[in-house]
PDB file of N, CA and C in Angstrom:
ATOM      1  N   UNK A   1     -25.073  -4.648  -1.782  1.00  0.00           N
ATOM      2  CA  UNK A   1     -24.594  -4.901  -0.438  1.00  0.00           C
ATOM      3  C   UNK A   1     -23.085  -4.665  -0.394  1.00  0.00           C
ATOM      4  N   UNK A   2     -22.625  -4.073   0.659  1.00  0.00           N
ATOM      5  CA  UNK A   2     -21.213  -3.784   0.812  1.00  0.00           C
ATOM      6  C   UNK A   2     -20.417  -4.993   1.258  1.00  0.00           C
ATOM      7  N   UNK A   3     -19.120  -4.795   1.362  1.00  0.00           N
ATOM      8  CA  UNK A   3     -18.270  -5.903   1.787  1.00  0.00           C
ATOM      9  C   UNK A   3     -18.104  -5.893   3.307  1.00  0.00           C
ATOM     10  N   UNK A   4     -17.750  -7.032   3.833  1.00  0.00           N
ATOM     11  CA  UNK A   4     -17.537  -7.147   5.263  1.00  0.00           C
ATOM     12  C   UNK A   4     -16.213  -6.490   5.645  1.00  0.00           C
ATOM     13  N   UNK A   5     -16.039  -6.273   6.934  1.00  0.00           N
ATOM     14  CA  UNK A   5     -14.778  -5.713   7.419  1.00  0.00           C
ATOM     15  C   UNK A   5     -13.609  -6.616   7.041  1.00  0.00           C
ATOM     16  N   UNK A   6     -13.815  -7.916   7.120  1.00  0.00           N
ATOM     17  CA  UNK A   6     -12.752  -8.866   6.787  1.00  0.00           C
ATOM     18  C   UNK A   6     -12.392  -8.795   5.309  1.00  0.00           C
ATOM     19  N   UNK A   7     -13.394  -8.657   4.455  1.00  0.00           N
ATOM     20  CA  UNK A   7     -13.148  -8.542   3.023  1.00  0.00           C
ATOM     21  C   UNK A   7     -12.388  -7.251   2.720  1.00  0.00           C
ATOM     22  N   UNK A   8     -12.797  -6.165   3.370  1.00  0.00           N
ATOM     23  CA  UNK A   8     -12.143  -4.878   3.160  1.00  0.00           C
ATOM     24  C   UNK A   8     -10.691  -4.941   3.622  1.00  0.00           C
ATOM     25  N   UNK A   9     -10.461  -5.516   4.797  1.00  0.00           N
ATOM     26  CA  UNK A   9      -9.106  -5.639   5.314  1.00  0.00           C
ATOM     27  C   UNK A   9      -8.259  -6.508   4.378  1.00  0.00           C
ATOM     28  N   UNK A  10      -8.822  -7.595   3.866  1.00  0.00           N
ATOM     29  CA  UNK A  10      -8.103  -8.453   2.928  1.00  0.00           C
ATOM     30  C   UNK A  10      -7.720  -7.706   1.665  1.00  0.00           C
ATOM     31  N   UNK A  11      -8.634  -6.895   1.165  1.00  0.00           N
ATOM     32  CA  UNK A  11      -8.362  -6.102  -0.025  1.00  0.00           C
ATOM     33  C   UNK A  11      -7.224  -5.116   0.247  1.00  0.00           C
ATOM     34  N   UNK A  12      -7.259  -4.461   1.401  1.00  0.00           N
ATOM     35  CA  UNK A  12      -6.206  -3.511   1.750  1.00  0.00           C
ATOM     36  C   UNK A  12      -4.860  -4.207   1.896  1.00  0.00           C
ATOM     37  N   UNK A  13      -4.841  -5.393   2.486  1.00  0.00           N
ATOM     38  CA  UNK A  13      -3.583  -6.126   2.645  1.00  0.00           C
ATOM     39  C   UNK A  13      -2.999  -6.522   1.291  1.00  0.00           C
ATOM     40  N   UNK A  14      -3.865  -6.913   0.356  1.00  0.00           N
ATOM     41  CA  UNK A  14      -3.405  -7.234  -0.997  1.00  0.00           C
ATOM     42  C   UNK A  14      -2.813  -5.996  -1.661  1.00  0.00           C
ATOM     43  N   UNK A  15      -3.507  -4.884  -1.496  1.00  0.00           N
ATOM     44  CA  UNK A  15      -3.042  -3.629  -2.086  1.00  0.00           C
ATOM     45  C   UNK A  15      -1.714  -3.202  -1.455  1.00  0.00           C
ATOM     46  N   UNK A  16      -1.599  -3.382  -0.142  1.00  0.00           N
ATOM     47  CA  UNK A  16      -0.370  -3.034   0.561  1.00  0.00           C
ATOM     48  C   UNK A  16       0.807  -3.858   0.036  1.00  0.00           C
ATOM     49  N   UNK A  17       0.575  -5.131  -0.193  1.00  0.00           N
ATOM     50  CA  UNK A  17       1.632  -5.995  -0.733  1.00  0.00           C
ATOM     51  C   UNK A  17       2.108  -5.495  -2.095  1.00  0.00           C
ATOM     52  N   UNK A  18       1.160  -5.100  -2.943  1.00  0.00           N
ATOM     53  CA  UNK A  18       1.514  -4.572  -4.265  1.00  0.00           C
ATOM     54  C   UNK A  18       2.355  -3.304  -4.145  1.00  0.00           C
ATOM     55  N   UNK A  19       1.956  -2.392  -3.261  1.00  0.00           N
ATOM     56  CA  UNK A  19       2.697  -1.142  -3.092  1.00  0.00           C
ATOM     57  C   UNK A  19       4.083  -1.399  -2.517  1.00  0.00           C
ATOM     58  N   UNK A  20       4.203  -2.387  -1.634  1.00  0.00           N
ATOM     59  CA  UNK A  20       5.516  -2.707  -1.075  1.00  0.00           C
ATOM     60  C   UNK A  20       6.448  -3.246  -2.158  1.00  0.00           C
ATOM     61  N   UNK A  21       5.913  -4.036  -3.090  1.00  0.00           N
ATOM     62  CA  UNK A  21       6.713  -4.524  -4.214  1.00  0.00           C
ATOM     63  C   UNK A  21       7.162  -3.355  -5.094  1.00  0.00           C
ATOM     64  N   UNK A  22       6.257  -2.406  -5.325  1.00  0.00           N
ATOM     65  CA  UNK A  22       6.615  -1.225  -6.113  1.00  0.00           C
ATOM     66  C   UNK A  22       7.683  -0.399  -5.413  1.00  0.00           C
ATOM     67  N   UNK A  23       7.614  -0.332  -4.087  1.00  0.00           N
ATOM     68  CA  UNK A  23       8.623   0.401  -3.334  1.00  0.00           C
ATOM     69  C   UNK A  23      10.003  -0.228  -3.540  1.00  0.00           C
ATOM     70  N   UNK A  24      10.076  -1.538  -3.510  1.00  0.00           N
ATOM     71  CA  UNK A  24      11.356  -2.219  -3.733  1.00  0.00           C
ATOM     72  C   UNK A  24      11.898  -1.918  -5.129  1.00  0.00           C
ATOM     73  N   UNK A  25      11.016  -1.942  -6.130  1.00  0.00           N
ATOM     74  CA  UNK A  25      11.445  -1.634  -7.496  1.00  0.00           C
ATOM     75  C   UNK A  25      11.923  -0.186  -7.617  1.00  0.00           C
ATOM     76  N   UNK A  26      11.208   0.724  -6.965  1.00  0.00           N
ATOM     77  CA  UNK A  26      11.604   2.134  -7.013  1.00  0.00           C
ATOM     78  C   UNK A  26      12.958   2.334  -6.337  1.00  0.00           C
ATOM     79  N   UNK A  27      13.188   1.613  -5.251  1.00  0.00           N
ATOM     80  CA  UNK A  27      14.483   1.721  -4.571  1.00  0.00           C
ATOM     81  C   UNK A  27      15.605   1.156  -5.440  1.00  0.00           C
ATOM     82  N   UNK A  28      15.325   0.043  -6.129  1.00  0.00           N
ATOM     83  CA  UNK A  28      16.324  -0.530  -7.038  1.00  0.00           C
ATOM     84  C   UNK A  28      16.675   0.451  -8.151  1.00  0.00           C
ATOM     85  N   UNK A  29      15.661   1.191  -8.621  1.00  0.00           N
ATOM     86  CA  UNK A  29      15.866   2.170  -9.687  1.00  0.00           C
ATOM     87  C   UNK A  29      16.388   3.498  -9.141  1.00  0.00           C
ATOM     88  N   UNK A  30      16.425   3.611  -7.822  1.00  0.00           N
ATOM     89  CA  UNK A  30      16.886   4.820  -7.145  1.00  0.00           C
ATOM     90  C   UNK A  30      16.097   6.055  -7.612  1.00  0.00           C
ATOM     91  N   UNK A  31      14.774   5.885  -7.704  1.00  0.00           N
ATOM     92  CA  UNK A  31      13.901   6.967  -8.149  1.00  0.00           C
ATOM     93  C   UNK A  31      13.211   7.579  -6.928  1.00  0.00           C
ATOM     94  N   UNK A  32      13.757   8.681  -6.453  1.00  0.00           N
ATOM     95  CA  UNK A  32      13.266   9.324  -5.230  1.00  0.00           C
ATOM     96  C   UNK A  32      11.817   9.802  -5.346  1.00  0.00           C
ATOM     97  N   UNK A  33      11.429  10.275  -6.515  1.00  0.00           N
ATOM     98  CA  UNK A  33      10.071  10.777  -6.716  1.00  0.00           C
ATOM     99  C   UNK A  33       9.054   9.644  -6.550  1.00  0.00           C
ATOM    100  N   UNK A  34       9.339   8.500  -7.147  1.00  0.00           N
ATOM    101  CA  UNK A  34       8.434   7.361  -7.028  1.00  0.00           C
ATOM    102  C   UNK A  34       8.456   6.814  -5.606  1.00  0.00           C
ATOM    103  N   UNK A  35       9.632   6.757  -4.996  1.00  0.00           N
ATOM    104  CA  UNK A  35       9.749   6.267  -3.615  1.00  0.00           C
ATOM    105  C   UNK A  35       8.856   7.104  -2.693  1.00  0.00           C
ATOM    106  N   UNK A  36       8.905   8.409  -2.828  1.00  0.00           N
ATOM    107  CA  UNK A  36       8.102   9.287  -1.980  1.00  0.00           C
ATOM    108  C   UNK A  36       6.611   9.042  -2.177  1.00  0.00           C
ATOM    109  N   UNK A  37       6.183   8.904  -3.417  1.00  0.00           N
ATOM    110  CA  UNK A  37       4.770   8.674  -3.706  1.00  0.00           C
ATOM    111  C   UNK A  37       4.317   7.328  -3.148  1.00  0.00           C
ATOM    112  N   UNK A  38       5.118   6.296  -3.341  1.00  0.00           N
ATOM    113  CA  UNK A  38       4.756   4.962  -2.883  1.00  0.00           C
ATOM    114  C   UNK A  38       4.718   4.920  -1.353  1.00  0.00           C
ATOM    115  N   UNK A  39       5.677   5.547  -0.703  1.00  0.00           N
ATOM    116  CA  UNK A  39       5.675   5.580   0.765  1.00  0.00           C
ATOM    117  C   UNK A  39       4.440   6.302   1.301  1.00  0.00           C
ATOM    118  N   UNK A  40       4.006   7.347   0.600  1.00  0.00           N
ATOM    119  CA  UNK A  40       2.789   8.066   0.990  1.00  0.00           C
ATOM    120  C   UNK A  40       1.573   7.155   0.876  1.00  0.00           C
ATOM    121  N   UNK A  41       1.495   6.388  -0.204  1.00  0.00           N
ATOM    122  CA  UNK A  41       0.376   5.480  -0.415  1.00  0.00           C
ATOM    123  C   UNK A  41       0.376   4.362   0.635  1.00  0.00           C
ATOM    124  N   UNK A  42       1.552   3.829   0.956  1.00  0.00           N
ATOM    125  CA  UNK A  42       1.667   2.785   1.980  1.00  0.00           C
ATOM    126  C   UNK A  42       1.199   3.326   3.331  1.00  0.00           C
ATOM    127  N   UNK A  43       1.555   4.558   3.645  1.00  0.00           N
ATOM    128  CA  UNK A  43       1.123   5.166   4.905  1.00  0.00           C
ATOM    129  C   UNK A  43      -0.399   5.299   4.957  1.00  0.00           C
ATOM    130  N   UNK A  44      -1.014   5.671   3.837  1.00  0.00           N
ATOM    131  CA  UNK A  44      -2.479   5.781   3.780  1.00  0.00           C
ATOM    132  C   UNK A  44      -3.136   4.428   4.045  1.00  0.00           C
ATOM    133  N   UNK A  45      -2.618   3.397   3.418  1.00  0.00           N
ATOM    134  CA  UNK A  45      -3.187   2.061   3.593  1.00  0.00           C
ATOM    135  C   UNK A  45      -3.021   1.605   5.040  1.00  0.00           C
ATOM    136  N   UNK A  46      -1.842   1.824   5.598  1.00  0.00           N
ATOM    137  CA  UNK A  46      -1.613   1.440   6.992  1.00  0.00           C
ATOM    138  C   UNK A  46      -2.557   2.165   7.931  1.00  0.00           C
ATOM    139  N   UNK A  47      -2.872   3.418   7.640  1.00  0.00           N
ATOM    140  CA  UNK A  47      -3.814   4.176   8.453  1.00  0.00           C
ATOM    141  C   UNK A  47      -5.217   3.554   8.362  1.00  0.00           C
ATOM    142  N   UNK A  48      -5.607   3.140   7.184  1.00  0.00           N
ATOM    143  CA  UNK A  48      -6.925   2.503   6.999  1.00  0.00           C
ATOM    144  C   UNK A  48      -6.995   1.162   7.722  1.00  0.00           C
ATOM    145  N   UNK A  49      -5.881   0.481   7.827  1.00  0.00           N
ATOM    146  CA  UNK A  49      -5.855  -0.833   8.482  1.00  0.00           C
ATOM    147  C   UNK A  49      -5.956  -0.742  10.005  1.00  0.00           C
ATOM    148  N   UNK A  50      -5.818   0.446  10.556  1.00  0.00           N
ATOM    149  CA  UNK A  50      -5.851   0.598  12.009  1.00  0.00           C
ATOM    150  C   UNK A  50      -7.231   0.362  12.609  1.00  0.00           C
ATOM    151  N   UNK A  51      -8.282   0.529  11.822  1.00  0.00           N
ATOM    152  CA  UNK A  51      -9.622   0.343  12.380  1.00  0.00           C
ATOM    153  C   UNK A  51     -10.397  -0.716  11.682  1.00  0.00           C
TER     154      UNK A  51
END
């Protein structure tokens, strides 16, 4: 059996929090390559959260 919409949204929010923490670390390290990748991943998660 699959997960409910609420469970899926909760999982995405947890994942989003992790990626946001990684973004802060990448910015502290001033690593543009990692920043770009993390921002792309955050955008994907935000898109999934729209529905």
